[in-house]
Amino acid sequence: ALLSAFIPLSTDLYLPALPGMAENFQAPVSLMNMTLVVFFVFYAIGTLILGPLSDKYGRKPILLIGLVVYIASSILCSMANNVYYLILWRIFQAIGSGAATAVSMAIIKDSFHGKERVSALALVQSMIAVAPVIAPMIGAQVLYFTTWRGVFWSLAVVGLISFLGVLFLEETIGERTEGNILHSLSRLGVVLKNRAFTFLLIIFSLPNIAMMAYVSGSSYIYINGFGLSEQIYSYFFAASASLAVIGPFIYLQLAKFFKDKTIIVASFGCVSILGVLIYLMGNLSPWVFSILIGFSTTALSILRPPGTNLMFEQQQHDTGSVSSLISCGMTLMGSFGMIIVSLDWANRIFVVGILLTFIALLCLCLWILNKSIIKPARS
């Protein structure tokens, strides 16, 4: 769960510092947000390379190498004296994160099957959802005692704790891929040729556009838009994000009475309605916006366990490549969302509402049109 949470920790922990960092570096919002955008782009590249390599060399060696890169780059981020150096070191931090998240997801598929895997995914993903809840609060407290540089030292400590934990990890991979490195990487193409997997990857990655648009724009919405302090912003962000923690457990309860297809359709429908409400009412107060975005996050988190398990079920081999493509797809879509919200919008709340509604309806249409080719999950 800690390895899987590297992305929200590496982004949300320093969100409260973004406006202050922009002033410190005398950099515009669009340039500061590049520290988020490049992180997600190179994280996606890292997962595409390191996931398949874990099929060849094993999960543990790739994890250890990735965590060393993460720790070193986090320290270098804390020492950056301009925004361009910060962006550079964030690239290496992202590559290290790619090893952590892609390999951790592969470990789940190695270790669990059927309903056990769905339960494991729900548990891990709910624990991952805790990271966006506590990260901004921790970041705000760190800022209370030190500067933004202390935030990156905190991330280095998280990387060190993870490294020590991985030292005691047992290798989970059974059969390793043969051939050279290029052959291992070519397995990504084999997985993408699986039409059912690719359709599901698109459907369950698209919502990240809207959610990461909110995440990367949240500090500007709450601090600049509603006029809140960094500490109060972190509480609002945590309150709305905390609703995502219960989403996977809500899914487990719903799955006792409804089929996955019904739950998926209902969740996308709820997100589209909530997007309309955010567009119409989100500007009323930070309370209204926080509640509506929190319910949207819950609905989307309900989708994650069945969506991830369905993607795993479409491809029985090449687990590292499957995990890499899942992480990469969601990350690339999230990067688009961050780029969109970084533009010079008069009202970012309207942008978030429109994205949620449009993307939820698009995913719902794609699901209905292509559900016949999807292999159902095994019990």
Protein backbone atom coordinates (compact mmCIF):
# COMPACT_ATOMS: atom_id res chain seq x y z
CA ALA A 1 0.00 0.00 0.00
CA LEU A 2 2.84 2.40 0.79
CA LEU A 3 4.55 1.65 -2.54
CA SER A 4 1.26 2.14 -4.40
CA ALA A 5 0.77 5.49 -2.64
CA PHE A 6 3.98 7.04 -4.01
CA ILE A 7 2.10 9.09 -6.61
CA PRO A 8 -0.32 10.88 -4.23
CA LEU A 9 2.48 11.32 -1.69
CA SER A 10 4.86 12.77 -4.28
CA THR A 11 2.26 15.23 -5.57
CA ASP A 12 -0.18 16.04 -2.78
CA LEU A 13 2.43 16.50 -0.05
CA TYR A 14 3.73 19.67 -1.66
CA LEU A 15 0.46 21.03 -3.08
CA PRO A 16 0.06 23.53 -0.18
CA ALA A 17 3.51 24.91 -1.04
CA LEU A 18 2.85 25.54 -4.75
CA PRO A 19 1.59 29.14 -4.50
CA GLY A 20 4.49 30.04 -2.19
CA MET A 21 7.01 28.27 -4.43
CA ALA A 22 5.71 30.24 -7.40
CA GLU A 23 6.47 33.47 -5.51
CA ASN A 24 9.85 32.19 -4.34
CA PHE A 25 10.98 31.28 -7.85
CA GLN A 26 9.17 34.24 -9.46
CA ALA A 27 7.52 31.71 -11.78
CA PRO A 28 4.01 31.71 -13.33
CA VAL A 29 1.40 29.12 -12.39
CA SER A 30 1.81 27.31 -15.71
CA LEU A 31 5.56 26.84 -15.11
CA MET A 32 5.14 25.71 -11.50
CA ASN A 33 2.53 23.19 -12.59
CA MET A 34 5.15 21.74 -14.92
CA THR A 35 6.71 20.25 -11.78
CA LEU A 36 3.53 18.17 -11.61
CA VAL A 37 3.10 17.56 -15.34
CA VAL A 38 6.65 16.33 -16.04
CA PHE A 39 6.45 14.15 -12.96
CA PHE A 40 3.43 12.33 -14.36
CA VAL A 41 4.82 12.08 -17.89
CA PHE A 42 8.14 10.56 -16.80
CA TYR A 43 6.42 8.43 -14.19
CA ALA A 44 4.43 6.94 -17.07
CA ILE A 45 7.63 6.34 -19.03
CA GLY A 46 9.25 4.77 -15.97
CA THR A 47 6.38 2.34 -15.44
CA LEU A 48 6.46 1.29 -19.12
CA ILE A 49 10.12 0.33 -18.81
CA LEU A 50 10.40 -0.97 -15.27
CA GLY A 51 7.21 -3.06 -15.18
CA PRO A 52 8.26 -5.37 -18.03
CA LEU A 53 11.80 -5.52 -16.64
CA SER A 54 10.38 -6.80 -13.35
CA ASP A 55 8.94 -9.74 -15.36
CA LYS A 56 12.51 -10.55 -16.45
CA TYR A 57 14.68 -9.68 -13.44
CA GLY A 58 12.18 -10.03 -10.59
CA ARG A 59 10.10 -7.60 -8.55
CA LYS A 60 12.56 -7.01 -5.70
CA PRO A 61 15.68 -5.87 -7.65
CA ILE A 62 13.67 -3.37 -9.73
CA LEU A 63 12.01 -2.01 -6.59
CA LEU A 64 15.34 -1.48 -4.81
CA ILE A 65 16.90 0.33 -7.79
CA GLY A 66 13.83 2.54 -8.23
CA LEU A 67 13.76 3.49 -4.56
CA VAL A 68 17.44 4.48 -4.56
CA VAL A 69 16.73 6.80 -7.50
CA TYR A 70 13.67 8.20 -5.69
CA ILE A 71 15.54 8.95 -2.46
CA ALA A 72 18.47 10.65 -4.21
CA SER A 73 16.25 12.77 -6.47
CA SER A 74 14.03 13.85 -3.55
CA ILE A 75 17.10 15.19 -1.78
CA LEU A 76 18.22 17.00 -4.94
CA CYS A 77 14.73 18.53 -5.31
CA SER A 78 15.11 20.02 -1.84
CA MET A 79 18.35 21.71 -2.95
CA ALA A 80 17.04 23.19 -6.23
CA ASN A 81 17.78 26.91 -6.54
CA ASN A 82 15.47 27.56 -9.50
CA VAL A 83 12.34 26.04 -10.98
CA TYR A 84 14.19 24.44 -13.90
CA TYR A 85 16.45 22.39 -11.63
CA LEU A 86 13.37 21.42 -9.64
CA ILE A 87 11.68 20.18 -12.81
CA LEU A 88 14.82 18.21 -13.75
CA TRP A 89 15.06 16.39 -10.42
CA ARG A 90 11.32 15.76 -10.41
CA ILE A 91 11.87 13.78 -13.61
CA PHE A 92 14.19 11.36 -11.81
CA GLN A 93 11.88 11.27 -8.79
CA ALA A 94 9.07 10.26 -11.16
CA ILE A 95 11.08 7.40 -12.68
CA GLY A 96 11.77 6.02 -9.20
CA SER A 97 8.05 6.28 -8.39
CA GLY A 98 7.31 4.30 -11.56
CA ALA A 99 9.17 1.31 -10.15
CA ALA A 100 7.30 1.52 -6.84
CA THR A 101 3.75 1.63 -8.19
CA ALA A 102 4.04 -0.62 -11.26
CA VAL A 103 5.81 -3.40 -9.38
CA SER A 104 3.52 -3.16 -6.33
CA MET A 105 0.48 -3.74 -8.54
CA ALA A 106 2.22 -6.70 -10.19
CA ILE A 107 2.86 -8.16 -6.73
CA ILE A 108 -0.90 -8.11 -6.06
CA LYS A 109 -1.60 -10.08 -9.23
CA ASP A 110 1.24 -12.50 -8.40
CA SER A 111 -0.14 -13.17 -4.95
CA PHE A 112 -3.95 -13.21 -5.24
CA HIS A 113 -6.63 -14.67 -7.53
CA GLY A 114 -10.38 -14.32 -8.04
CA LYS A 115 -12.35 -12.73 -5.21
CA GLU A 116 -9.24 -12.63 -3.04
CA ARG A 117 -7.61 -10.33 -5.58
CA VAL A 118 -10.64 -8.00 -5.69
CA SER A 119 -10.63 -7.79 -1.89
CA ALA A 120 -6.87 -7.15 -1.86
CA LEU A 121 -7.24 -4.44 -4.50
CA ALA A 122 -10.07 -2.82 -2.53
CA LEU A 123 -8.02 -2.87 0.68
CA VAL A 124 -4.84 -1.52 -0.91
CA GLN A 125 -6.67 1.13 -2.94
CA SER A 126 -8.57 2.33 0.09
CA MET A 127 -5.29 2.62 1.96
CA ILE A 128 -3.83 4.47 -1.02
CA ALA A 129 -6.75 6.89 -0.76
CA VAL A 130 -5.55 7.79 2.73
CA ALA A 131 -2.43 9.36 1.18
CA PRO A 132 -4.26 12.32 -0.46
CA VAL A 133 -6.09 12.82 2.84
CA ILE A 134 -3.05 13.10 5.07
CA ALA A 135 -0.43 14.34 2.57
CA PRO A 136 -1.64 17.98 2.28
CA MET A 137 -2.06 18.18 6.06
CA ILE A 138 1.46 16.84 6.61
CA GLY A 139 2.74 19.21 3.93
CA ALA A 140 1.00 22.16 5.58
CA GLN A 141 2.47 21.23 8.98
CA VAL A 142 5.94 20.86 7.47
CA LEU A 143 5.52 24.33 5.94
CA TYR A 144 4.54 25.65 9.37
CA PHE A 145 7.95 24.68 10.77
CA THR A 146 10.14 24.95 7.67
CA THR A 147 10.03 25.81 3.96
CA TRP A 148 8.99 23.85 0.89
CA ARG A 149 12.46 22.27 0.89
CA GLY A 150 11.51 20.37 4.02
CA VAL A 151 8.62 18.78 2.10
CA PHE A 152 11.06 17.07 -0.27
CA TRP A 153 13.21 15.91 2.63
CA SER A 154 10.03 14.31 3.99
CA LEU A 155 9.58 12.45 0.69
CA ALA A 156 13.17 11.22 0.92
CA VAL A 157 12.33 9.76 4.35
CA VAL A 158 9.26 8.01 2.88
CA GLY A 159 11.51 6.52 0.18
CA LEU A 160 14.01 5.32 2.80
CA ILE A 161 11.27 3.64 4.87
CA SER A 162 10.02 1.88 1.74
CA PHE A 163 13.54 0.79 0.81
CA LEU A 164 14.04 -0.79 4.23
CA GLY A 165 10.69 -2.57 3.90
CA VAL A 166 11.53 -3.97 0.45
CA LEU A 167 14.75 -5.46 1.85
CA PHE A 168 12.52 -7.92 3.77
CA LEU A 169 10.17 -8.58 0.84
CA GLU A 170 10.01 -12.11 -0.56
CA GLU A 171 10.17 -12.39 -4.34
CA THR A 172 6.63 -13.04 -5.67
CA ILE A 173 7.21 -13.68 -9.36
CA GLY A 174 6.91 -17.28 -10.50
CA GLU A 175 7.80 -17.67 -14.17
CA ARG A 176 10.13 -15.01 -15.62
CA THR A 177 10.19 -13.86 -19.23
CA GLU A 178 13.02 -15.11 -21.44
CA GLY A 179 15.08 -13.17 -23.98
CA ASN A 180 16.83 -9.81 -23.88
CA ILE A 181 15.60 -6.47 -22.56
CA LEU A 182 14.07 -5.45 -25.90
CA HIS A 183 12.07 -8.67 -25.96
CA SER A 184 10.77 -7.91 -22.47
CA LEU A 185 9.72 -4.41 -23.51
CA SER A 186 8.07 -5.76 -26.67
CA ARG A 187 5.55 -7.57 -24.45
CA LEU A 188 3.85 -4.19 -23.96
CA GLY A 189 2.76 -4.35 -27.59
CA VAL A 190 1.49 -7.90 -27.15
CA VAL A 191 -0.71 -6.81 -24.25
CA LEU A 192 -2.01 -3.76 -26.14
CA LYS A 193 -3.11 -6.02 -29.01
CA ASN A 194 -5.58 -7.54 -26.58
CA ARG A 195 -8.62 -5.53 -27.65
CA ALA A 196 -10.64 -6.09 -24.48
CA PHE A 197 -7.76 -4.97 -22.25
CA THR A 198 -7.12 -1.84 -24.32
CA PHE A 199 -10.78 -0.79 -24.27
CA LEU A 200 -10.92 -1.23 -20.50
CA LEU A 201 -7.66 0.69 -20.11
CA ILE A 202 -9.15 3.64 -21.99
CA ILE A 203 -12.45 3.53 -20.08
CA PHE A 204 -10.90 3.42 -16.61
CA SER A 205 -8.02 5.83 -17.37
CA LEU A 206 -10.06 8.70 -18.79
CA PRO A 207 -11.54 9.80 -15.41
CA ASN A 208 -8.02 10.66 -14.27
CA ILE A 209 -8.16 13.69 -16.57
CA ALA A 210 -10.86 15.25 -14.40
CA MET A 211 -9.49 14.13 -11.05
CA MET A 212 -5.93 15.30 -11.66
CA ALA A 213 -7.25 18.57 -13.04
CA TYR A 214 -8.88 19.02 -9.63
CA VAL A 215 -5.83 17.85 -7.65
CA SER A 216 -3.33 20.10 -9.45
CA GLY A 217 -5.71 23.06 -9.41
CA SER A 218 -7.04 22.58 -5.89
CA SER A 219 -4.55 24.85 -4.12
CA TYR A 220 -5.34 27.69 -6.53
CA ILE A 221 -9.10 27.08 -6.16
CA TYR A 222 -9.04 27.10 -2.35
CA ILE A 223 -6.18 29.51 -1.62
CA ASN A 224 -6.44 32.02 -4.48
CA GLY A 225 -10.11 31.51 -5.33
CA PHE A 226 -11.76 31.16 -1.92
CA GLY A 227 -9.02 33.04 -0.04
CA LEU A 228 -8.16 30.27 2.43
CA SER A 229 -4.82 29.81 4.20
CA GLU A 230 -2.49 26.92 3.36
CA GLN A 231 -3.49 25.08 6.55
CA ILE A 232 -7.25 25.55 6.03
CA TYR A 233 -6.86 24.49 2.39
CA SER A 234 -5.20 21.26 3.51
CA TYR A 235 -8.20 20.48 5.77
CA PHE A 236 -10.72 21.04 2.97
CA PHE A 237 -8.65 18.97 0.56
CA ALA A 238 -8.30 16.18 3.12
CA ALA A 239 -12.03 16.22 3.92
CA SER A 240 -13.07 15.73 0.31
CA ALA A 241 -10.28 13.21 -0.36
CA SER A 242 -11.21 11.17 2.73
CA LEU A 243 -14.44 10.12 1.02
CA ALA A 244 -12.33 8.22 -1.50
CA VAL A 245 -11.15 5.92 1.30
CA ILE A 246 -14.59 4.36 1.66
CA GLY A 247 -15.21 3.93 -2.07
CA PRO A 248 -13.55 0.49 -2.44
CA PHE A 249 -15.37 -0.81 0.65
CA ILE A 250 -18.67 0.50 -0.69
CA TYR A 251 -17.94 -1.49 -3.84
CA LEU A 252 -17.37 -4.69 -1.83
CA GLN A 253 -20.77 -4.25 -0.19
CA LEU A 254 -22.53 -3.41 -3.47
CA ALA A 255 -20.92 -6.43 -5.16
CA LYS A 256 -22.88 -8.70 -2.80
CA PHE A 257 -26.15 -7.56 -4.41
CA PHE A 258 -25.29 -6.19 -7.87
CA LYS A 259 -23.17 -7.26 -10.82
CA ASP A 260 -20.02 -5.31 -11.64
CA LYS A 261 -21.58 -4.04 -14.87
CA THR A 262 -24.45 -2.44 -12.95
CA ILE A 263 -22.12 -0.85 -10.39
CA ILE A 264 -19.91 0.58 -13.14
CA VAL A 265 -22.83 2.12 -15.04
CA ALA A 266 -24.31 3.61 -11.85
CA SER A 267 -20.95 5.07 -10.78
CA PHE A 268 -20.33 6.79 -14.09
CA GLY A 269 -23.90 8.11 -14.03
CA CYS A 270 -23.39 9.59 -10.54
CA VAL A 271 -20.13 11.26 -11.57
CA SER A 272 -21.79 12.95 -14.57
CA ILE A 273 -24.57 14.37 -12.36
CA LEU A 274 -22.09 15.57 -9.73
CA GLY A 275 -20.07 17.30 -12.46
CA VAL A 276 -23.15 19.30 -13.45
CA LEU A 277 -23.74 20.27 -9.80
CA ILE A 278 -20.12 21.39 -9.41
CA TYR A 279 -20.48 23.59 -12.50
CA LEU A 280 -23.71 25.12 -11.20
CA MET A 281 -23.02 25.35 -7.46
CA GLY A 282 -19.29 24.88 -6.86
CA ASN A 283 -18.60 28.61 -6.60
CA LEU A 284 -21.06 29.14 -3.75
CA SER A 285 -18.58 28.28 -0.99
CA PRO A 286 -15.57 26.05 -0.27
CA TRP A 287 -17.92 23.81 1.74
CA VAL A 288 -20.23 23.16 -1.21
CA PHE A 289 -17.35 22.58 -3.60
CA SER A 290 -15.57 20.26 -1.16
CA ILE A 291 -18.67 18.12 -0.56
CA LEU A 292 -19.50 17.76 -4.26
CA ILE A 293 -15.93 16.96 -5.30
CA GLY A 294 -15.73 14.51 -2.39
CA PHE A 295 -18.77 12.57 -3.58
CA SER A 296 -17.30 12.56 -7.11
CA THR A 297 -14.08 11.10 -5.74
CA THR A 298 -16.06 8.41 -3.90
CA ALA A 299 -17.95 7.40 -7.04
CA LEU A 300 -14.72 7.15 -9.03
CA SER A 301 -12.96 5.17 -6.28
CA ILE A 302 -15.82 2.65 -6.35
CA LEU A 303 -14.78 1.95 -9.94
CA ARG A 304 -11.15 1.17 -9.20
CA PRO A 305 -11.32 -2.39 -7.74
CA PRO A 306 -13.64 -3.85 -10.40
CA GLY A 307 -11.93 -1.90 -13.17
CA THR A 308 -8.41 -3.00 -12.21
CA ASN A 309 -9.46 -6.61 -11.68
CA LEU A 310 -11.24 -6.73 -15.05
CA MET A 311 -8.10 -5.45 -16.76
CA PHE A 312 -6.00 -8.13 -15.03
CA GLU A 313 -8.48 -10.82 -16.13
CA GLN A 314 -8.11 -9.95 -19.81
CA GLN A 315 -4.41 -10.95 -19.84
CA GLN A 316 -3.26 -13.95 -17.83
CA HIS A 317 0.48 -13.51 -18.49
CA ASP A 318 2.89 -10.54 -18.78
CA THR A 319 1.82 -9.22 -15.38
CA GLY A 320 4.54 -6.57 -15.22
CA SER A 321 3.55 -5.22 -18.64
CA VAL A 322 -0.15 -5.19 -17.68
CA SER A 323 0.62 -3.31 -14.46
CA SER A 324 2.82 -0.86 -16.34
CA LEU A 325 0.17 -0.09 -18.93
CA ILE A 326 -2.51 0.41 -16.27
CA SER A 327 -0.29 2.83 -14.33
CA CYS A 328 0.91 4.55 -17.50
CA GLY A 329 -2.58 4.99 -18.95
CA MET A 330 -3.96 6.54 -15.79
CA THR A 331 -0.92 8.75 -15.40
CA LEU A 332 -0.92 10.07 -18.96
CA MET A 333 -4.60 10.93 -18.69
CA GLY A 334 -3.91 12.67 -15.40
CA SER A 335 -1.16 14.70 -17.10
CA PHE A 336 -3.64 15.94 -19.69
CA GLY A 337 -5.89 17.08 -16.86
CA MET A 338 -3.06 18.99 -15.21
CA ILE A 339 -2.17 20.70 -18.49
CA ILE A 340 -5.80 21.67 -19.06
CA VAL A 341 -6.27 23.21 -15.61
CA SER A 342 -2.92 25.05 -15.88
CA LEU A 343 -4.24 27.21 -18.72
CA ASP A 344 -5.34 30.74 -17.93
CA TRP A 345 -8.95 29.95 -16.98
CA ALA A 346 -11.15 32.59 -15.37
CA ASN A 347 -12.78 29.92 -13.18
CA ARG A 348 -11.14 26.52 -12.59
CA ILE A 349 -14.22 25.19 -10.77
CA PHE A 350 -16.19 25.39 -14.03
CA VAL A 351 -13.40 23.48 -15.77
CA VAL A 352 -13.46 20.66 -13.19
CA GLY A 353 -17.27 20.37 -13.40
CA ILE A 354 -17.30 20.25 -17.20
CA LEU A 355 -14.50 17.65 -17.32
CA LEU A 356 -16.24 15.37 -14.80
CA THR A 357 -19.54 15.45 -16.69
CA PHE A 358 -18.13 15.05 -20.20
CA ILE A 359 -15.64 12.29 -19.33
CA ALA A 360 -18.13 10.28 -17.24
CA LEU A 361 -20.65 10.32 -20.09
CA LEU A 362 -17.95 9.39 -22.62
CA CYS A 363 -16.78 6.45 -20.48
CA LEU A 364 -20.36 5.31 -19.99
CA CYS A 365 -20.93 5.26 -23.76
CA LEU A 366 -17.66 3.37 -24.37
CA TRP A 367 -18.56 0.83 -21.69
CA ILE A 368 -22.02 0.16 -23.16
CA LEU A 369 -20.66 -0.13 -26.71
CA ASN A 370 -17.81 -2.51 -25.87
CA LYS A 371 -18.90 -4.56 -22.85
CA SER A 372 -19.67 -7.57 -25.07
CA ILE A 373 -15.95 -8.17 -25.81
CA ILE A 374 -14.89 -8.04 -22.15
CA LYS A 375 -14.02 -11.29 -20.42
CA PRO A 376 -15.86 -11.43 -17.04
CA ALA A 377 -13.90 -11.68 -13.80
CA ARG A 378 -13.51 -15.11 -12.30
CA SER A 379 -15.09 -15.79 -8.92
